[in-house]
Amino acid sequence: MVGLGDTKKKIEKMISAAEELYEKMNQLRAQVDDLRSKVEQTSEQVDAMEHDLDEQRVLIERMAREQGIDVDEVLAEAAIEDADAEDSAETSGAAGGSAAEPED
């Protein structure tokens, strides 16, 4: 009869473990559903912001042209300035570190 008692304990442990896993699975499912909902909401917000940004861009370009400002030229100059700023940041970052070894 000792064998049956051990078997019963093992089965009870297995049932308990299965119930815990089932509960954890349900918690994970709820978390995934919540995350999915948040991602969808964030996506909708991003879409709305992109739409607003497009409208603002059109208005600003129209106002700039009315003032005689070449929007394409301004954007090109800004891109050049950004690239120059990145280059100088990389150069100063490399110079500010440890001493470089001389090249042969």
PDB file of N, CA and C in Angstrom:
ATOM      1  N   MET A   1       0.807  -1.206   0.000  1.00  0.00           N
ATOM      2  CA  MET A   1       0.000   0.000   0.000  1.00  0.00           C
ATOM      3  C   MET A   1       0.845   1.262   0.000  1.00  0.00           C
ATOM      4  N   VAL A   2       2.085   1.129   0.381  1.00  0.00           N
ATOM      5  CA  VAL A   2       2.961   2.295   0.404  1.00  0.00           C
ATOM      6  C   VAL A   2       3.128   2.840  -1.003  1.00  0.00           C
ATOM      7  N   GLY A   3       3.185   1.981  -1.971  1.00  0.00           N
ATOM      8  CA  GLY A   3       3.345   2.400  -3.352  1.00  0.00           C
ATOM      9  C   GLY A   3       2.190   3.255  -3.829  1.00  0.00           C
ATOM     10  N   LEU A   4       0.983   2.931  -3.425  1.00  0.00           N
ATOM     11  CA  LEU A   4      -0.181   3.717  -3.820  1.00  0.00           C
ATOM     12  C   LEU A   4      -0.171   5.090  -3.162  1.00  0.00           C
ATOM     13  N   GLY A   5       0.290   5.166  -1.926  1.00  0.00           N
ATOM     14  CA  GLY A   5       0.369   6.453  -1.235  1.00  0.00           C
ATOM     15  C   GLY A   5       1.362   7.373  -1.913  1.00  0.00           C
ATOM     16  N   ASP A   6       2.507   6.819  -2.330  1.00  0.00           N
ATOM     17  CA  ASP A   6       3.510   7.620  -3.044  1.00  0.00           C
ATOM     18  C   ASP A   6       2.979   8.076  -4.403  1.00  0.00           C
ATOM     19  N   THR A   7       2.286   7.199  -5.064  1.00  0.00           N
ATOM     20  CA  THR A   7       1.708   7.536  -6.365  1.00  0.00           C
ATOM     21  C   THR A   7       0.669   8.641  -6.214  1.00  0.00           C
ATOM     22  N   LYS A   8      -0.132   8.524  -5.159  1.00  0.00           N
ATOM     23  CA  LYS A   8      -1.151   9.550  -4.917  1.00  0.00           C
ATOM     24  C   LYS A   8      -0.501  10.907  -4.677  1.00  0.00           C
ATOM     25  N   LYS A   9       0.573  10.944  -3.887  1.00  0.00           N
ATOM     26  CA  LYS A   9       1.281  12.204  -3.618  1.00  0.00           C
ATOM     27  C   LYS A   9       1.868  12.788  -4.904  1.00  0.00           C
ATOM     28  N   LYS A  10       2.436  11.914  -5.728  1.00  0.00           N
ATOM     29  CA  LYS A  10       3.017  12.379  -6.998  1.00  0.00           C
ATOM     30  C   LYS A  10       1.934  12.956  -7.909  1.00  0.00           C
ATOM     31  N   ILE A  11       0.793  12.275  -7.953  1.00  0.00           N
ATOM     32  CA  ILE A  11      -0.313  12.769  -8.791  1.00  0.00           C
ATOM     33  C   ILE A  11      -0.818  14.103  -8.263  1.00  0.00           C
ATOM     34  N   GLU A  12      -0.935  14.238  -6.934  1.00  0.00           N
ATOM     35  CA  GLU A  12      -1.374  15.501  -6.342  1.00  0.00           C
ATOM     36  C   GLU A  12      -0.390  16.628  -6.653  1.00  0.00           C
ATOM     37  N   LYS A  13       0.903  16.316  -6.599  1.00  0.00           N
ATOM     38  CA  LYS A  13       1.921  17.324  -6.944  1.00  0.00           C
ATOM     39  C   LYS A  13       1.795  17.733  -8.411  1.00  0.00           C
ATOM     40  N   MET A  14       1.570  16.739  -9.271  1.00  0.00           N
ATOM     41  CA  MET A  14       1.425  17.033 -10.695  1.00  0.00           C
ATOM     42  C   MET A  14       0.191  17.892 -10.946  1.00  0.00           C
ATOM     43  N   ILE A  15      -0.896  17.582 -10.267  1.00  0.00           N
ATOM     44  CA  ILE A  15      -2.128  18.368 -10.427  1.00  0.00           C
ATOM     45  C   ILE A  15      -1.907  19.789  -9.938  1.00  0.00           C
ATOM     46  N   SER A  16      -1.243  19.921  -8.802  1.00  0.00           N
ATOM     47  CA  SER A  16      -0.963  21.249  -8.247  1.00  0.00           C
ATOM     48  C   SER A  16      -0.086  22.048  -9.216  1.00  0.00           C
ATOM     49  N   ALA A  17       0.953  21.411  -9.745  1.00  0.00           N
ATOM     50  CA  ALA A  17       1.840  22.086 -10.693  1.00  0.00           C
ATOM     51  C   ALA A  17       1.074  22.482 -11.959  1.00  0.00           C
ATOM     52  N   ALA A  18       0.199  21.608 -12.424  1.00  0.00           N
ATOM     53  CA  ALA A  18      -0.593  21.902 -13.623  1.00  0.00           C
ATOM     54  C   ALA A  18      -1.530  23.076 -13.379  1.00  0.00           C
ATOM     55  N   GLU A  19      -2.130  23.127 -12.187  1.00  0.00           N
ATOM     56  CA  GLU A  19      -3.017  24.245 -11.860  1.00  0.00           C
ATOM     57  C   GLU A  19      -2.246  25.558 -11.797  1.00  0.00           C
ATOM     58  N   GLU A  20      -1.035  25.527 -11.225  1.00  0.00           N
ATOM     59  CA  GLU A  20      -0.203  26.740 -11.159  1.00  0.00           C
ATOM     60  C   GLU A  20       0.184  27.201 -12.561  1.00  0.00           C
ATOM     61  N   LEU A  21       0.559  26.235 -13.397  1.00  0.00           N
ATOM     62  CA  LEU A  21       0.916  26.587 -14.774  1.00  0.00           C
ATOM     63  C   LEU A  21      -0.275  27.159 -15.529  1.00  0.00           C
ATOM     64  N   TYR A  22      -1.448  26.592 -15.298  1.00  0.00           N
ATOM     65  CA  TYR A  22      -2.664  27.084 -15.945  1.00  0.00           C
ATOM     66  C   TYR A  22      -2.946  28.520 -15.521  1.00  0.00           C
ATOM     67  N   GLU A  23      -2.795  28.801 -14.224  1.00  0.00           N
ATOM     68  CA  GLU A  23      -3.010  30.156 -13.709  1.00  0.00           C
ATOM     69  C   GLU A  23      -1.996  31.139 -14.307  1.00  0.00           C
ATOM     70  N   LYS A  24      -0.733  30.725 -14.358  1.00  0.00           N
ATOM     71  CA  LYS A  24       0.298  31.588 -14.954  1.00  0.00           C
ATOM     72  C   LYS A  24       0.018  31.828 -16.432  1.00  0.00           C
ATOM     73  N   MET A  25      -0.457  30.780 -17.108  1.00  0.00           N
ATOM     74  CA  MET A  25      -0.787  30.910 -18.529  1.00  0.00           C
ATOM     75  C   MET A  25      -1.904  31.927 -18.725  1.00  0.00           C
ATOM     76  N   ASN A  26      -2.905  31.887 -17.873  1.00  0.00           N
ATOM     77  CA  ASN A  26      -3.998  32.857 -17.959  1.00  0.00           C
ATOM     78  C   ASN A  26      -3.514  34.272 -17.676  1.00  0.00           C
ATOM     79  N   GLN A  27      -2.605  34.413 -16.707  1.00  0.00           N
ATOM     80  CA  GLN A  27      -2.039  35.737 -16.417  1.00  0.00           C
ATOM     81  C   GLN A  27      -1.262  36.265 -17.615  1.00  0.00           C
ATOM     82  N   LEU A  28      -0.453  35.398 -18.225  1.00  0.00           N
ATOM     83  CA  LEU A  28       0.309  35.811 -19.404  1.00  0.00           C
ATOM     84  C   LEU A  28      -0.618  36.183 -20.559  1.00  0.00           C
ATOM     85  N   ARG A  29      -1.672  35.424 -20.725  1.00  0.00           N
ATOM     86  CA  ARG A  29      -2.644  35.715 -21.793  1.00  0.00           C
ATOM     87  C   ARG A  29      -3.263  37.099 -21.575  1.00  0.00           C
ATOM     88  N   ALA A  30      -3.600  37.409 -20.309  1.00  0.00           N
ATOM     89  CA  ALA A  30      -4.174  38.719 -19.989  1.00  0.00           C
ATOM     90  C   ALA A  30      -3.155  39.828 -20.245  1.00  0.00           C
ATOM     91  N   GLN A  31      -1.905  39.576 -19.896  1.00  0.00           N
ATOM     92  CA  GLN A  31      -0.860  40.573 -20.133  1.00  0.00           C
ATOM     93  C   GLN A  31      -0.658  40.809 -21.630  1.00  0.00           C
ATOM     94  N   VAL A  32      -0.667  39.738 -22.406  1.00  0.00           N
ATOM     95  CA  VAL A  32      -0.502  39.864 -23.863  1.00  0.00           C
ATOM     96  C   VAL A  32      -1.677  40.633 -24.456  1.00  0.00           C
ATOM     97  N   ASP A  33      -2.887  40.341 -24.003  1.00  0.00           N
ATOM     98  CA  ASP A  33      -4.059  41.065 -24.492  1.00  0.00           C
ATOM     99  C   ASP A  33      -3.973  42.544 -24.159  1.00  0.00           C
ATOM    100  N   ASP A  34      -3.528  42.852 -22.927  1.00  0.00           N
ATOM    101  CA  ASP A  34      -3.366  44.248 -22.508  1.00  0.00           C
ATOM    102  C   ASP A  34      -2.302  44.937 -23.354  1.00  0.00           C
ATOM    103  N   LEU A  35      -1.192  44.245 -23.572  1.00  0.00           N
ATOM    104  CA  LEU A  35      -0.116  44.809 -24.386  1.00  0.00           C
ATOM    105  C   LEU A  35      -0.577  45.047 -25.821  1.00  0.00           C
ATOM    106  N   ARG A  36      -1.326  44.100 -26.367  1.00  0.00           N
ATOM    107  CA  ARG A  36      -1.850  44.244 -27.731  1.00  0.00           C
ATOM    108  C   ARG A  36      -2.748  45.476 -27.836  1.00  0.00           C
ATOM    109  N   SER A  37      -3.592  45.668 -26.828  1.00  0.00           N
ATOM    110  CA  SER A  37      -4.488  46.826 -26.804  1.00  0.00           C
ATOM    111  C   SER A  37      -3.695  48.127 -26.749  1.00  0.00           C
ATOM    112  N   LYS A  38      -2.670  48.151 -25.908  1.00  0.00           N
ATOM    113  CA  LYS A  38      -1.836  49.357 -25.789  1.00  0.00           C
ATOM    114  C   LYS A  38      -1.082  49.645 -27.089  1.00  0.00           C
ATOM    115  N   VAL A  39      -0.600  48.605 -27.741  1.00  0.00           N
ATOM    116  CA  VAL A  39       0.110  48.782 -29.015  1.00  0.00           C
ATOM    117  C   VAL A  39      -0.835  49.341 -30.076  1.00  0.00           C
ATOM    118  N   GLU A  40      -2.047  48.821 -30.135  1.00  0.00           N
ATOM    119  CA  GLU A  40      -3.028  49.322 -31.100  1.00  0.00           C
ATOM    120  C   GLU A  40      -3.375  50.773 -30.819  1.00  0.00           C
ATOM    121  N   GLN A  41      -3.532  51.116 -29.541  1.00  0.00           N
ATOM    122  CA  GLN A  41      -3.843  52.495 -29.163  1.00  0.00           C
ATOM    123  C   GLN A  41      -2.680  53.410 -29.526  1.00  0.00           C
ATOM    124  N   THR A  42      -1.462  52.964 -29.260  1.00  0.00           N
ATOM    125  CA  THR A  42      -0.284  53.766 -29.588  1.00  0.00           C
ATOM    126  C   THR A  42      -0.173  53.954 -31.097  1.00  0.00           C
ATOM    127  N   SER A  43      -0.460  52.919 -31.837  1.00  0.00           N
ATOM    128  CA  SER A  43      -0.415  53.007 -33.296  1.00  0.00           C
ATOM    129  C   SER A  43      -1.419  54.035 -33.810  1.00  0.00           C
ATOM    130  N   GLU A  44      -2.617  54.029 -33.240  1.00  0.00           N
ATOM    131  CA  GLU A  44      -3.633  55.006 -33.643  1.00  0.00           C
ATOM    132  C   GLU A  44      -3.176  56.431 -33.302  1.00  0.00           C
ATOM    133  N   GLN A  45      -2.557  56.597 -32.135  1.00  0.00           N
ATOM    134  CA  GLN A  45      -2.063  57.918 -31.740  1.00  0.00           C
ATOM    135  C   GLN A  45      -0.962  58.389 -32.684  1.00  0.00           C
ATOM    136  N   VAL A  46      -0.064  57.481 -33.053  1.00  0.00           N
ATOM    137  CA  VAL A  46       1.024  57.834 -33.975  1.00  0.00           C
ATOM    138  C   VAL A  46       0.450  58.221 -35.334  1.00  0.00           C
ATOM    139  N   ASP A  47      -0.528  57.471 -35.804  1.00  0.00           N
ATOM    140  CA  ASP A  47      -1.158  57.796 -37.084  1.00  0.00           C
ATOM    141  C   ASP A  47      -1.785  59.195 -37.046  1.00  0.00           C
ATOM    142  N   ALA A  48      -2.458  59.512 -35.938  1.00  0.00           N
ATOM    143  CA  ALA A  48      -3.078  60.830 -35.803  1.00  0.00           C
ATOM    144  C   ALA A  48      -2.017  61.925 -35.763  1.00  0.00           C
ATOM    145  N   MET A  49      -0.923  61.669 -35.053  1.00  0.00           N
ATOM    146  CA  MET A  49       0.153  62.663 -34.977  1.00  0.00           C
ATOM    147  C   MET A  49       0.809  62.877 -36.345  1.00  0.00           C
ATOM    148  N   GLU A  50       1.002  61.778 -37.094  1.00  0.00           N
ATOM    149  CA  GLU A  50       1.574  61.906 -38.437  1.00  0.00           C
ATOM    150  C   GLU A  50       0.656  62.727 -39.330  1.00  0.00           C
ATOM    151  N   HIS A  51      -0.642  62.509 -39.209  1.00  0.00           N
ATOM    152  CA  HIS A  51      -1.606  63.278 -40.001  1.00  0.00           C
ATOM    153  C   HIS A  51      -1.520  64.764 -39.643  1.00  0.00           C
ATOM    154  N   ASP A  52      -1.502  65.058 -38.332  1.00  0.00           N
ATOM    155  CA  ASP A  52      -1.390  66.453 -37.889  1.00  0.00           C
ATOM    156  C   ASP A  52      -0.091  67.083 -38.380  1.00  0.00           C
ATOM    157  N   LEU A  53       1.001  66.322 -38.306  1.00  0.00           N
ATOM    158  CA  LEU A  53       2.295  66.827 -38.752  1.00  0.00           C
ATOM    159  C   LEU A  53       2.278  67.132 -40.250  1.00  0.00           C
ATOM    160  N   ASP A  54       1.657  66.263 -41.021  1.00  0.00           N
ATOM    161  CA  ASP A  54       1.548  66.513 -42.464  1.00  0.00           C
ATOM    162  C   ASP A  54       0.767  67.801 -42.738  1.00  0.00           C
ATOM    163  N   GLU A  55      -0.335  67.990 -42.017  1.00  0.00           N
ATOM    164  CA  GLU A  55      -1.115  69.225 -42.195  1.00  0.00           C
ATOM    165  C   GLU A  55      -0.291  70.453 -41.816  1.00  0.00           C
ATOM    166  N   GLN A  56       0.439  70.365 -40.722  1.00  0.00           N
ATOM    167  CA  GLN A  56       1.262  71.496 -40.289  1.00  0.00           C
ATOM    168  C   GLN A  56       2.362  71.787 -41.305  1.00  0.00           C
ATOM    169  N   ARG A  57       2.953  70.731 -41.853  1.00  0.00           N
ATOM    170  CA  ARG A  57       4.010  70.909 -42.847  1.00  0.00           C
ATOM    171  C   ARG A  57       3.475  71.663 -44.070  1.00  0.00           C
ATOM    172  N   VAL A  58       2.284  71.281 -44.516  1.00  0.00           N
ATOM    173  CA  VAL A  58       1.675  71.945 -45.668  1.00  0.00           C
ATOM    174  C   VAL A  58       1.436  73.427 -45.374  1.00  0.00           C
ATOM    175  N   LEU A  59       0.904  73.713 -44.188  1.00  0.00           N
ATOM    176  CA  LEU A  59       0.642  75.114 -43.814  1.00  0.00           C
ATOM    177  C   LEU A  59       1.928  75.925 -43.727  1.00  0.00           C
ATOM    178  N   ILE A  60       2.948  75.354 -43.105  1.00  0.00           N
ATOM    179  CA  ILE A  60       4.220  76.078 -42.963  1.00  0.00           C
ATOM    180  C   ILE A  60       4.858  76.317 -44.322  1.00  0.00           C
ATOM    181  N   GLU A  61       4.834  75.312 -45.181  1.00  0.00           N
ATOM    182  CA  GLU A  61       5.416  75.488 -46.518  1.00  0.00           C
ATOM    183  C   GLU A  61       4.663  76.565 -47.296  1.00  0.00           C
ATOM    184  N   ARG A  62       3.345  76.572 -47.181  1.00  0.00           N
ATOM    185  CA  ARG A  62       2.542  77.583 -47.870  1.00  0.00           C
ATOM    186  C   ARG A  62       2.879  78.985 -47.347  1.00  0.00           C
ATOM    187  N   MET A  63       2.975  79.119 -46.023  1.00  0.00           N
ATOM    188  CA  MET A  63       3.307  80.424 -45.431  1.00  0.00           C
ATOM    189  C   MET A  63       4.719  80.856 -45.831  1.00  0.00           C
ATOM    190  N   ALA A  64       5.654  79.906 -45.878  1.00  0.00           N
ATOM    191  CA  ALA A  64       7.024  80.240 -46.259  1.00  0.00           C
ATOM    192  C   ALA A  64       7.077  80.717 -47.702  1.00  0.00           C
ATOM    193  N   ARG A  65       6.371  80.047 -48.574  1.00  0.00           N
ATOM    194  CA  ARG A  65       6.373  80.446 -49.976  1.00  0.00           C
ATOM    195  C   ARG A  65       5.741  81.833 -50.154  1.00  0.00           C
ATOM    196  N   GLU A  66       4.689  82.116 -49.362  1.00  0.00           N
ATOM    197  CA  GLU A  66       4.074  83.444 -49.421  1.00  0.00           C
ATOM    198  C   GLU A  66       5.047  84.532 -48.980  1.00  0.00           C
ATOM    199  N   GLN A  67       5.980  84.166 -48.123  1.00  0.00           N
ATOM    200  CA  GLN A  67       6.988  85.122 -47.655  1.00  0.00           C
ATOM    201  C   GLN A  67       8.229  85.118 -48.539  1.00  0.00           C
ATOM    202  N   GLY A  68       8.214  84.321 -49.605  1.00  0.00           N
ATOM    203  CA  GLY A  68       9.338  84.283 -50.537  1.00  0.00           C
ATOM    204  C   GLY A  68      10.491  83.411 -50.064  1.00  0.00           C
ATOM    205  N   ILE A  69      10.220  82.499 -49.170  1.00  0.00           N
ATOM    206  CA  ILE A  69      11.266  81.616 -48.646  1.00  0.00           C
ATOM    207  C   ILE A  69      11.253  80.323 -49.444  1.00  0.00           C
ATOM    208  N   ASP A  70      12.439  79.906 -49.920  1.00  0.00           N
ATOM    209  CA  ASP A  70      12.562  78.650 -50.652  1.00  0.00           C
ATOM    210  C   ASP A  70      12.698  77.514 -49.638  1.00  0.00           C
ATOM    211  N   VAL A  71      11.630  76.758 -49.465  1.00  0.00           N
ATOM    212  CA  VAL A  71      11.578  75.712 -48.456  1.00  0.00           C
ATOM    213  C   VAL A  71      12.622  74.640 -48.719  1.00  0.00           C
ATOM    214  N   ASP A  72      12.785  74.233 -49.967  1.00  0.00           N
ATOM    215  CA  ASP A  72      13.754  73.193 -50.299  1.00  0.00           C
ATOM    216  C   ASP A  72      15.171  73.632 -49.944  1.00  0.00           C
ATOM    217  N   GLU A  73      15.480  74.886 -50.196  1.00  0.00           N
ATOM    218  CA  GLU A  73      16.806  75.409 -49.870  1.00  0.00           C
ATOM    219  C   GLU A  73      17.030  75.419 -48.355  1.00  0.00           C
ATOM    220  N   VAL A  74      16.031  75.836 -47.614  1.00  0.00           N
ATOM    221  CA  VAL A  74      16.141  75.867 -46.153  1.00  0.00           C
ATOM    222  C   VAL A  74      16.337  74.453 -45.616  1.00  0.00           C
ATOM    223  N   LEU A  75      15.597  73.491 -46.140  1.00  0.00           N
ATOM    224  CA  LEU A  75      15.740  72.111 -45.687  1.00  0.00           C
ATOM    225  C   LEU A  75      17.117  71.549 -46.031  1.00  0.00           C
ATOM    226  N   ALA A  76      17.625  71.882 -47.211  1.00  0.00           N
ATOM    227  CA  ALA A  76      18.957  71.420 -47.597  1.00  0.00           C
ATOM    228  C   ALA A  76      20.025  72.020 -46.680  1.00  0.00           C
ATOM    229  N   GLU A  77      19.915  73.306 -46.376  1.00  0.00           N
ATOM    230  CA  GLU A  77      20.872  73.942 -45.475  1.00  0.00           C
ATOM    231  C   GLU A  77      20.814  73.314 -44.084  1.00  0.00           C
ATOM    232  N   ALA A  78      19.624  73.015 -43.620  1.00  0.00           N
ATOM    233  CA  ALA A  78      19.469  72.395 -42.303  1.00  0.00           C
ATOM    234  C   ALA A  78      20.105  71.008 -42.272  1.00  0.00           C
ATOM    235  N   ALA A  79      19.945  70.263 -43.352  1.00  0.00           N
ATOM    236  CA  ALA A  79      20.540  68.934 -43.422  1.00  0.00           C
ATOM    237  C   ALA A  79      22.060  69.018 -43.403  1.00  0.00           C
ATOM    238  N   ILE A  80      22.609  69.996 -44.107  1.00  0.00           N
ATOM    239  CA  ILE A  80      24.064  70.188 -44.123  1.00  0.00           C
ATOM    240  C   ILE A  80      24.552  70.561 -42.727  1.00  0.00           C
ATOM    241  N   GLU A  81      23.843  71.460 -42.055  1.00  0.00           N
ATOM    242  CA  GLU A  81      24.232  71.869 -40.704  1.00  0.00           C
ATOM    243  C   GLU A  81      24.177  70.686 -39.736  1.00  0.00           C
ATOM    244  N   ASP A  82      23.155  69.846 -39.872  1.00  0.00           N
ATOM    245  CA  ASP A  82      23.054  68.667 -39.010  1.00  0.00           C
ATOM    246  C   ASP A  82      24.221  67.712 -39.250  1.00  0.00           C
ATOM    247  N   ALA A  83      24.549  67.496 -40.524  1.00  0.00           N
ATOM    248  CA  ALA A  83      25.663  66.607 -40.858  1.00  0.00           C
ATOM    249  C   ALA A  83      26.972  67.173 -40.318  1.00  0.00           C
ATOM    250  N   ASP A  84      27.176  68.478 -40.456  1.00  0.00           N
ATOM    251  CA  ASP A  84      28.392  69.106 -39.927  1.00  0.00           C
ATOM    252  C   ASP A  84      28.458  68.975 -38.408  1.00  0.00           C
ATOM    253  N   ALA A  85      27.334  69.153 -37.741  1.00  0.00           N
ATOM    254  CA  ALA A  85      27.290  69.038 -36.283  1.00  0.00           C
ATOM    255  C   ALA A  85      27.614  67.611 -35.846  1.00  0.00           C
ATOM    256  N   GLU A  86      27.113  66.623 -36.561  1.00  0.00           N
ATOM    257  CA  GLU A  86      27.410  65.229 -36.240  1.00  0.00           C
ATOM    258  C   GLU A  86      28.884  64.934 -36.454  1.00  0.00           C
ATOM    259  N   ASP A  87      29.460  65.445 -37.556  1.00  0.00           N
ATOM    260  CA  ASP A  87      30.876  65.228 -37.828  1.00  0.00           C
ATOM    261  C   ASP A  87      31.741  65.851 -36.745  1.00  0.00           C
ATOM    262  N   SER A  88      31.409  67.071 -36.327  1.00  0.00           N
ATOM    263  CA  SER A  88      32.220  67.725 -35.309  1.00  0.00           C
ATOM    264  C   SER A  88      32.053  67.037 -33.962  1.00  0.00           C
ATOM    265  N   ALA A  89      30.877  66.503 -33.667  1.00  0.00           N
ATOM    266  CA  ALA A  89      30.668  65.773 -32.414  1.00  0.00           C
ATOM    267  C   ALA A  89      31.476  64.483 -32.409  1.00  0.00           C
ATOM    268  N   GLU A  90      31.525  63.798 -33.534  1.00  0.00           N
ATOM    269  CA  GLU A  90      32.306  62.569 -33.624  1.00  0.00           C
ATOM    270  C   GLU A  90      33.794  62.874 -33.511  1.00  0.00           C
ATOM    271  N   THR A  91      34.221  63.951 -34.140  1.00  0.00           N
ATOM    272  CA  THR A  91      35.631  64.321 -34.100  1.00  0.00           C
ATOM    273  C   THR A  91      36.042  64.721 -32.692  1.00  0.00           C
ATOM    274  N   SER A  92      35.241  65.536 -32.029  1.00  0.00           N
ATOM    275  CA  SER A  92      35.582  65.971 -30.676  1.00  0.00           C
ATOM    276  C   SER A  92      35.470  64.813 -29.701  1.00  0.00           C
ATOM    277  N   GLY A  93      34.578  63.899 -29.935  1.00  0.00           N
ATOM    278  CA  GLY A  93      34.444  62.727 -29.077  1.00  0.00           C
ATOM    279  C   GLY A  93      35.658  61.835 -29.178  1.00  0.00           C
ATOM    280  N   ALA A  94      36.199  61.671 -30.365  1.00  0.00           N
ATOM    281  CA  ALA A  94      37.385  60.847 -30.551  1.00  0.00           C
ATOM    282  C   ALA A  94      38.608  61.541 -29.974  1.00  0.00           C
ATOM    283  N   ALA A  95      38.696  62.860 -30.099  1.00  0.00           N
ATOM    284  CA  ALA A  95      39.853  63.603 -29.593  1.00  0.00           C
ATOM    285  C   ALA A  95      39.824  63.693 -28.082  1.00  0.00           C
ATOM    286  N   GLY A  96      38.661  63.654 -27.495  1.00  0.00           N
ATOM    287  CA  GLY A  96      38.545  63.797 -26.048  1.00  0.00           C
ATOM    288  C   GLY A  96      38.824  62.511 -25.295  1.00  0.00           C
ATOM    289  N   GLY A  97      38.971  61.399 -25.990  1.00  0.00           N
ATOM    290  CA  GLY A  97      39.203  60.116 -25.337  1.00  0.00           C
ATOM    291  C   GLY A  97      40.672  59.929 -25.002  1.00  0.00           C
ATOM    292  N   SER A  98      41.071  58.678 -24.913  1.00  0.00           N
ATOM    293  CA  SER A  98      42.458  58.389 -24.598  1.00  0.00           C
ATOM    294  C   SER A  98      43.325  58.682 -25.809  1.00  0.00           C
ATOM    295  N   ALA A  99      44.623  58.822 -25.551  1.00  0.00           N
ATOM    296  CA  ALA A  99      45.561  59.177 -26.624  1.00  0.00           C
ATOM    297  C   ALA A  99      45.588  58.071 -27.660  1.00  0.00           C
ATOM    298  N   ALA A 100      45.557  58.459 -28.913  1.00  0.00           N
ATOM    299  CA  ALA A 100      45.585  57.489 -29.996  1.00  0.00           C
ATOM    300  C   ALA A 100      47.020  57.032 -30.234  1.00  0.00           C
ATOM    301  N   GLU A 101      47.127  55.774 -30.654  1.00  0.00           N
ATOM    302  CA  GLU A 101      48.458  55.268 -30.948  1.00  0.00           C
ATOM    303  C   GLU A 101      48.919  55.792 -32.296  1.00  0.00           C
ATOM    304  N   PRO A 102      50.178  56.125 -32.426  1.00  0.00           N
ATOM    305  CA  PRO A 102      50.681  56.650 -33.718  1.00  0.00           C
ATOM    306  C   PRO A 102      50.632  55.573 -34.781  1.00  0.00           C
ATOM    307  N   GLU A 103      50.347  56.019 -36.006  1.00  0.00           N
ATOM    308  CA  GLU A 103      50.304  55.076 -37.130  1.00  0.00           C
ATOM    309  C   GLU A 103      51.697  54.880 -37.671  1.00  0.00           C
ATOM    310  N   ASP A 104      51.962  53.699 -38.242  1.00  0.00           N
ATOM    311  CA  ASP A 104      53.286  53.415 -38.827  1.00  0.00           C
ATOM    312  C   ASP A 104      53.432  53.990 -40.181  1.00  0.00           C
TER     313      ASP A 104
END
